[in-house]
Amino acid sequence: MSQTFHGQLHRVQTFLAVVDFASYTRAAQYLGISKAMASLHIKALEQALATTLLIRTTRHVALTDSGRELYDQFKGIVAHIDSAFDNVLHGRNRVSGKLRISSTAEYAETFVLPILPLFTARYPEVRLSYHFNSSLNDLVAEKLDLVIRLGHLADSGFKGRKLADYAIALVASPGLFAERPPLQPEDLGAWPWICNSNLAGPPSWTLSHPRRGEVQVPVEPGHESNSATAIRAMALAGLGLAVLPEWMILDDLGNGRLVRVLPEYRLAAQPVHVLFPNTAHLPRKSRVFIDFLAEHLGR
């Protein structure tokens, strides 16, 4: 293939990535090039086509009419190419390559890591690279293929698929309430809380009662951690109230090391999502792993 073709292909790939990520910076990180190079690729493509494709402001990247037409056409072309490659690989029952994934340590150790041998037995040519993390920054910065995240997520520009739900509980060490236990949700404001610093926005929880309905409980910021394991340890030490996944604390509740706070109230179940880049092509290794997770973790 000519150098001109290769150059235009790189420019089109950059254009698709910028649109998919809605960001020059994130597209450049995903492609492994500098932001300046990504900008040069777009300018060169616009010069070659003699038209403006993207309008960039300080906060947004928007498509022009010409840009939308080009994006739709090339997206379809890329989809056809991907389909052709997948058909050949699928015909030989081959899925290969390194699959780079991440999740929180606690969820992975309980639910994901135990089923990985089943996946590698089904797809022996896939090499797994597992990272423990609870942020979304690593999805692009570390060039991961997909991440598993817990709880309700803010709009991140990534694509996702819901895998399951899990129950959460408001708990504390029994010694915390030795003298004056809370009798109603309004009493909780007087107690220290241990917050999860991964959660966005002002901390608050909605408690639901079967007869009294819902009540919003604001949380006074106090102790915090980005690790559920650390939050559990701090709760066991009597440092405050904590909201934790029930699957993490079943033994603690069973032996009385932790107790449910206002047990007649409940917190809404939280979702588990697998997230992946919003790009024109999702590799087959990622697709089969997402289907595998849905098969084994879905309820």
Foldseek 3Di string as FASTA:
>chain_A
DDPVVVLLVVLVQLLQLCVLQQHLCLSCLLVVHHSVVSVVSQVVNCVVVVHHAWDDDPPGIDGDPVNVVSNVVVLVVVVVVQVVVVVVCVVVPADADEAEEEEAPVCCVVANVVCVVVVCVSHVRYHYHYDYDADPVCQRNVNHFKYKYKFDDDDRSWDKDWQAWFFKFKKAFPVLCPPPADDDLVVQQVWAEEEAPRDDDFDWFWKQAPPPGIDIHGHDDDHYYNHLVVRVVCRLVGRTIYMHTCVVCVVCCVVRSMHTRPVNIGGDIMIMMMTGRSGSDRGPVVVVVVVVSNVRRHD
